[in-house]
């Protein structure tokens, strides 16, 4: 089964599968990734240069 997580998060997805995660846990993980990406977009909108905030830590 192919997981549709953002690029760079494959290892996390595989570790979830390795632990026998339920569909609910996978949905929770997907939602948290979605909100994380949305918050990054908001930060980028507030700070287009991208030199400060969480974006610089990733």
Protein backbone atom coordinates (compact mmCIF):
# COMPACT_ATOMS: atom_id res chain seq x y z
CA UNK A 1 0.00 0.00 0.00
CA UNK A 2 1.41 3.35 -1.08
CA UNK A 3 1.14 6.08 1.55
CA UNK A 4 0.50 9.59 0.30
CA UNK A 5 2.62 11.55 2.73
CA UNK A 6 4.65 14.61 1.72
CA UNK A 7 8.14 13.99 0.39
CA UNK A 8 10.70 13.56 3.14
CA UNK A 9 8.34 11.87 5.58
CA UNK A 10 8.59 8.34 4.21
CA UNK A 11 10.67 7.10 7.14
CA UNK A 12 8.08 8.30 9.63
CA UNK A 13 5.32 6.66 7.63
CA UNK A 14 7.24 3.38 7.48
CA UNK A 15 7.90 3.43 11.22
CA UNK A 16 4.17 3.93 11.82
CA UNK A 17 3.43 0.92 9.61
CA UNK A 18 6.14 -1.07 11.37
CA UNK A 19 4.44 -0.48 14.69
CA UNK A 20 1.19 -1.82 13.28
CA UNK A 21 -0.56 1.55 13.30
CA UNK A 22 -4.30 1.52 12.85
CA UNK A 23 -6.08 3.46 10.14
CA UNK A 24 -7.11 5.94 12.82
CA UNK A 25 -3.48 6.57 13.77
CA UNK A 26 -2.58 6.99 10.10
CA UNK A 27 -5.40 9.52 9.71
CA UNK A 28 -4.19 11.39 12.81
CA UNK A 29 -0.67 11.50 11.37
CA UNK A 30 -1.95 12.74 8.02
CA UNK A 31 -3.98 15.48 9.68
CA UNK A 32 -1.07 16.62 11.82
CA UNK A 33 1.15 16.78 8.72
CA UNK A 34 -1.55 18.77 6.91
CA UNK A 35 -1.87 21.33 9.71
CA UNK A 36 1.91 21.53 10.04
CA UNK A 37 2.22 22.35 6.34
CA UNK A 38 -0.59 24.91 6.59
CA UNK A 39 1.18 26.61 9.51
CA UNK A 40 4.38 26.74 7.47
CA UNK A 41 2.47 28.38 4.62
CA UNK A 42 1.10 30.97 7.05
CA UNK A 43 4.60 31.63 8.38
CA UNK A 44 5.88 32.01 4.82
CA UNK A 45 3.08 34.45 4.05
CA UNK A 46 3.92 36.50 7.14
CA UNK A 47 7.63 36.36 6.39
CA UNK A 48 8.18 35.93 2.62
CA UNK A 49 11.97 36.10 2.94
CA UNK A 50 12.00 32.79 4.82
CA UNK A 51 14.97 33.78 6.98
CA UNK A 52 13.17 33.63 10.32
CA UNK A 53 10.60 31.46 12.04
CA UNK A 54 10.17 27.70 11.90
CA UNK A 55 10.86 27.52 8.16
CA UNK A 56 14.56 28.14 8.73
CA UNK A 57 14.82 25.19 11.13
CA UNK A 58 13.67 22.55 8.67
